[in-house]
Amino acid sequence: MKVRIDIDCSPDEARTFFGLPAVEPMQKAMMAEVEERLKASLETMTPEDLIKTWMPAGVEGFEKMQKMFWSSMTDKKTE
């Protein structure tokens, strides 16, 4: 036996039905704070600092990985 119930309601209506709090005002406030902090930190950084932040390993890490791949492909011993 199968029972199927379709409920057509908005997320706000479902949240109210289950007694959950409305988080939209808090979410908007938090996102505004995050945006302000991000803008403030970006204004103080140079492009070089941004690259170092976004790519902590930098090009050296990529070069090491590339060398590892090449060495694993070329160091095969033929029998």
N, C-alpha and C. Protein backbone atom coordinates (compact mmCIF):
# COMPACT_ATOMS: atom_id res chain seq x y z
N MET A 1 0.85 -1.16 0.00
CA MET A 1 0.00 0.00 0.00
C MET A 1 0.90 1.24 0.00
N LYS A 2 0.61 2.16 -0.87
CA LYS A 2 1.37 3.39 -0.96
C LYS A 2 0.45 4.57 -0.68
N VAL A 3 0.97 5.48 0.08
CA VAL A 3 0.24 6.70 0.36
C VAL A 3 1.13 7.86 -0.09
N ARG A 4 0.57 8.74 -0.85
CA ARG A 4 1.33 9.87 -1.34
C ARG A 4 0.60 11.15 -0.96
N ILE A 5 1.37 12.06 -0.36
CA ILE A 5 0.79 13.34 0.04
C ILE A 5 1.65 14.44 -0.59
N ASP A 6 1.05 15.28 -1.38
CA ASP A 6 1.73 16.43 -1.97
C ASP A 6 1.33 17.68 -1.22
N ILE A 7 2.31 18.40 -0.75
CA ILE A 7 2.05 19.64 -0.03
C ILE A 7 2.67 20.77 -0.84
N ASP A 8 1.84 21.73 -1.18
CA ASP A 8 2.31 22.87 -1.95
C ASP A 8 2.38 24.07 -1.02
N CYS A 9 3.61 24.42 -0.62
CA CYS A 9 3.79 25.57 0.25
C CYS A 9 5.17 26.18 0.00
N SER A 10 5.30 27.40 0.40
CA SER A 10 6.58 28.09 0.25
C SER A 10 7.51 27.70 1.40
N PRO A 11 8.79 27.95 1.26
CA PRO A 11 9.71 27.66 2.37
C PRO A 11 9.34 28.41 3.66
N ASP A 12 8.85 29.64 3.51
CA ASP A 12 8.43 30.39 4.71
C ASP A 12 7.25 29.72 5.39
N GLU A 13 6.30 29.25 4.60
CA GLU A 13 5.13 28.57 5.18
C GLU A 13 5.55 27.27 5.87
N ALA A 14 6.45 26.52 5.27
CA ALA A 14 6.92 25.28 5.88
C ALA A 14 7.67 25.57 7.17
N ARG A 15 8.52 26.60 7.16
CA ARG A 15 9.28 26.96 8.36
C ARG A 15 8.33 27.36 9.49
N THR A 16 7.30 28.13 9.17
CA THR A 16 6.32 28.54 10.17
C THR A 16 5.56 27.33 10.70
N PHE A 17 5.18 26.42 9.81
CA PHE A 17 4.43 25.22 10.21
C PHE A 17 5.23 24.38 11.20
N PHE A 18 6.53 24.22 10.94
CA PHE A 18 7.37 23.41 11.82
C PHE A 18 7.89 24.18 13.03
N GLY A 19 7.58 25.46 13.12
CA GLY A 19 7.98 26.26 14.27
C GLY A 19 9.42 26.71 14.25
N LEU A 20 10.01 26.74 13.07
CA LEU A 20 11.40 27.16 12.96
C LEU A 20 11.46 28.68 12.84
N PRO A 21 12.54 29.28 13.31
CA PRO A 21 12.64 30.75 13.26
C PRO A 21 12.93 31.24 11.84
N ALA A 22 12.56 32.46 11.57
CA ALA A 22 12.89 33.09 10.30
C ALA A 22 14.34 33.56 10.38
N VAL A 23 15.16 33.05 9.50
CA VAL A 23 16.59 33.37 9.55
C VAL A 23 17.00 34.41 8.51
N GLU A 24 16.09 34.84 7.69
CA GLU A 24 16.42 35.78 6.62
C GLU A 24 17.01 37.10 7.13
N PRO A 25 16.43 37.73 8.17
CA PRO A 25 17.04 38.98 8.66
C PRO A 25 18.47 38.78 9.18
N MET A 26 18.69 37.70 9.89
CA MET A 26 20.02 37.41 10.41
C MET A 26 20.98 37.12 9.25
N GLN A 27 20.52 36.38 8.26
CA GLN A 27 21.36 36.05 7.12
C GLN A 27 21.75 37.32 6.35
N LYS A 28 20.82 38.23 6.16
CA LYS A 28 21.12 39.48 5.46
C LYS A 28 22.14 40.31 6.24
N ALA A 29 21.98 40.36 7.56
CA ALA A 29 22.92 41.11 8.39
C ALA A 29 24.31 40.49 8.34
N MET A 30 24.39 39.18 8.42
CA MET A 30 25.68 38.50 8.39
C MET A 30 26.35 38.67 7.02
N MET A 31 25.60 38.58 5.96
CA MET A 31 26.18 38.74 4.63
C MET A 31 26.66 40.18 4.42
N ALA A 32 25.95 41.16 4.96
CA ALA A 32 26.40 42.55 4.87
C ALA A 32 27.72 42.72 5.62
N GLU A 33 27.84 42.10 6.79
CA GLU A 33 29.08 42.16 7.57
C GLU A 33 30.23 41.48 6.83
N VAL A 34 29.97 40.33 6.24
CA VAL A 34 31.00 39.62 5.48
C VAL A 34 31.44 40.47 4.28
N GLU A 35 30.48 41.08 3.61
CA GLU A 35 30.80 41.92 2.46
C GLU A 35 31.67 43.11 2.87
N GLU A 36 31.33 43.76 3.98
CA GLU A 36 32.12 44.89 4.47
C GLU A 36 33.55 44.47 4.80
N ARG A 37 33.70 43.36 5.50
CA ARG A 37 35.04 42.89 5.87
C ARG A 37 35.85 42.49 4.64
N LEU A 38 35.20 41.86 3.68
CA LEU A 38 35.89 41.47 2.46
C LEU A 38 36.36 42.68 1.68
N LYS A 39 35.50 43.68 1.57
CA LYS A 39 35.89 44.91 0.86
C LYS A 39 37.06 45.60 1.57
N ALA A 40 37.00 45.65 2.90
CA ALA A 40 38.07 46.30 3.66
C ALA A 40 39.40 45.56 3.48
N SER A 41 39.36 44.24 3.49
CA SER A 41 40.61 43.49 3.33
C SER A 41 41.13 43.55 1.91
N LEU A 42 40.24 43.61 0.93
CA LEU A 42 40.69 43.69 -0.46
C LEU A 42 41.31 45.05 -0.78
N GLU A 43 40.82 46.10 -0.14
CA GLU A 43 41.37 47.43 -0.38
C GLU A 43 42.81 47.55 0.10
N THR A 44 43.17 46.80 1.12
CA THR A 44 44.52 46.90 1.67
C THR A 44 45.52 45.97 0.98
N MET A 45 45.04 45.05 0.17
CA MET A 45 45.93 44.07 -0.46
C MET A 45 46.38 44.51 -1.84
N THR A 46 47.60 44.17 -2.15
CA THR A 46 48.12 44.39 -3.49
C THR A 46 47.79 43.15 -4.33
N PRO A 47 47.85 43.25 -5.65
CA PRO A 47 47.60 42.07 -6.48
C PRO A 47 48.52 40.90 -6.14
N GLU A 48 49.76 41.20 -5.76
CA GLU A 48 50.69 40.14 -5.39
C GLU A 48 50.22 39.42 -4.12
N ASP A 49 49.73 40.18 -3.15
CA ASP A 49 49.20 39.57 -1.93
C ASP A 49 47.99 38.70 -2.22
N LEU A 50 47.14 39.14 -3.13
CA LEU A 50 45.96 38.35 -3.50
C LEU A 50 46.37 37.01 -4.09
N ILE A 51 47.34 37.03 -4.99
CA ILE A 51 47.80 35.78 -5.60
C ILE A 51 48.38 34.85 -4.54
N LYS A 52 49.18 35.41 -3.61
CA LYS A 52 49.75 34.58 -2.54
C LYS A 52 48.66 33.99 -1.65
N THR A 53 47.59 34.76 -1.41
CA THR A 53 46.50 34.28 -0.57
C THR A 53 45.70 33.18 -1.28
N TRP A 54 45.42 33.40 -2.55
CA TRP A 54 44.59 32.45 -3.29
C TRP A 54 45.37 31.20 -3.70
N MET A 55 46.65 31.33 -3.89
CA MET A 55 47.48 30.19 -4.30
C MET A 55 48.62 30.05 -3.30
N PRO A 56 48.35 29.50 -2.12
CA PRO A 56 49.39 29.45 -1.09
C PRO A 56 50.62 28.67 -1.52
N ALA A 57 50.43 27.60 -2.27
CA ALA A 57 51.60 26.83 -2.69
C ALA A 57 52.33 27.54 -3.83
N GLY A 58 51.61 28.38 -4.53
CA GLY A 58 52.21 29.14 -5.62
C GLY A 58 52.61 28.27 -6.78
N VAL A 59 53.41 28.82 -7.60
CA VAL A 59 53.86 28.11 -8.79
C VAL A 59 54.80 26.98 -8.43
N GLU A 60 55.52 27.13 -7.32
CA GLU A 60 56.47 26.09 -6.92
C GLU A 60 55.75 24.76 -6.68
N GLY A 61 54.60 24.82 -6.03
CA GLY A 61 53.84 23.60 -5.78
C GLY A 61 53.40 22.94 -7.07
N PHE A 62 52.97 23.76 -8.03
CA PHE A 62 52.56 23.23 -9.32
C PHE A 62 53.74 22.60 -10.04
N GLU A 63 54.90 23.26 -9.98
CA GLU A 63 56.09 22.72 -10.64
C GLU A 63 56.52 21.40 -10.01
N LYS A 64 56.43 21.28 -8.70
CA LYS A 64 56.78 20.02 -8.04
C LYS A 64 55.85 18.91 -8.48
N MET A 65 54.54 19.21 -8.55
CA MET A 65 53.57 18.21 -8.98
C MET A 65 53.85 17.80 -10.42
N GLN A 66 54.16 18.76 -11.28
CA GLN A 66 54.46 18.47 -12.68
C GLN A 66 55.70 17.57 -12.79
N LYS A 67 56.74 17.88 -12.01
CA LYS A 67 57.96 17.06 -12.04
C LYS A 67 57.67 15.64 -11.56
N MET A 68 56.81 15.50 -10.55
CA MET A 68 56.46 14.19 -10.04
C MET A 68 55.77 13.37 -11.12
N PHE A 69 54.82 14.00 -11.83
CA PHE A 69 54.12 13.29 -12.90
C PHE A 69 55.08 12.87 -14.02
N TRP A 70 55.95 13.80 -14.42
CA TRP A 70 56.90 13.49 -15.48
C TRP A 70 57.84 12.37 -15.06
N SER A 71 58.32 12.42 -13.83
CA SER A 71 59.25 11.39 -13.38
C SER A 71 58.56 10.03 -13.28
N SER A 72 57.30 10.01 -12.91
CA SER A 72 56.60 8.73 -12.84
C SER A 72 56.34 8.17 -14.23
N MET A 73 56.24 9.03 -15.23
CA MET A 73 56.01 8.56 -16.60
C MET A 73 57.31 8.15 -17.29
N THR A 74 58.41 8.79 -16.96
CA THR A 74 59.67 8.53 -17.66
C THR A 74 60.58 7.53 -16.95
N ASP A 75 60.33 7.24 -15.69
CA ASP A 75 61.20 6.34 -14.94
C ASP A 75 60.77 4.88 -15.05
N LYS A 76 59.97 4.56 -16.03
CA LYS A 76 59.56 3.16 -16.21
C LYS A 76 60.74 2.35 -16.74
N LYS A 77 61.02 1.24 -16.11
CA LYS A 77 62.10 0.39 -16.56
C LYS A 77 61.53 -0.66 -17.50
N THR A 78 62.18 -0.85 -18.60
CA THR A 78 61.74 -1.87 -19.55
C THR A 78 62.43 -3.17 -19.19
N GLU A 79 61.69 -4.23 -19.27
CA GLU A 79 62.27 -5.54 -18.92
C GLU A 79 62.53 -6.34 -20.15
